[in-house]
Amino acid sequence: MSKNSLPVYKYNKALQRALVVVAHPDDVDFGTAGTVAYLTNHGVDVAYCLVTSGDAGGDASTHSREERSDIREAEQTLAAKEVGVTKLTFLRWPDGQVETTLALRREIARVVRAHRPDLVITQSPERNYERIRASHPDHLATGETTLRAVYPDARNPHAFPELLGEGLQPHAVPEVWLGGVAATMVVDITKTFDQKFAALSKHVSQVGEAQGLEKMLKSWSRQTAQRAGMKKGKLAEGFRVIATG
């Protein structure tokens, strides 16, 4: 390994279940769908938790917020299937109004206890001043709330005792991967890039006819691989790995 290289993830059979928690439909697919496909292709049971349904998201349509939510939930469901995911939870928080609250911590802790993942993948709570669009307030709040839900809420039997009443026992997540922040590890998505692109293409309300989208995604993934010291032609997604034990 060269001085500037990063470790490339190799699947470990101890990883059986993973949970991806993001703010909006399409966040998974822009940031981590290649990794999700890599995991599901190895038999990992991956589930999604979407904090909002994208009811204020980015298009010029005249749909009501309820109609836009329905559209975007349907798009995300189709996108998830492209990378082997069929378990989706939509918390339906208002798009653009996500804050790090106890109520949201409880809802994410509920999903963590229900799915009992070995790994949680979520967004960075750290603002990126070099690329401000990566730091949507909903992303920052979702990342911070998810970290708080992982530790201490999901594992603490005295946090949100109503969850015990629902039969949801405490669960300790061993590891969290943060996207959208300086990476400490990368996942080789060269073989799963086509699945990533297929997934993102399902978000028609956001990417339209997807002209230039594949080229842009490949450019981003190629740059991530190059920064990690991978061989020419490789594509990668990067994460900051956090041990939570």
Foldseek 3Di string as FASTA:
>chain_A
DDPQAFAADDDDPVFAEEEEEEAEQPPCLLAPLLVLLVQVVVNHQYEYEYAALCLVDDFPDPDHSVVSSVLSVVLSCVLLVLSPYRHYHYNHDDPLDAAQDLVVLVVLLLVCLVRQGLEYEAADLDQDPVDRVSCRVSRNRRNVSNVVSLPPNQQDCPHPVVSVVVVRHRHHHFKYWYAPDDFNYKYWSLVPLVSSVVSSCSSCSHCPNVVCVSVVSQVVQQVVCVSNVHDPPIGIHGTHMDGDD
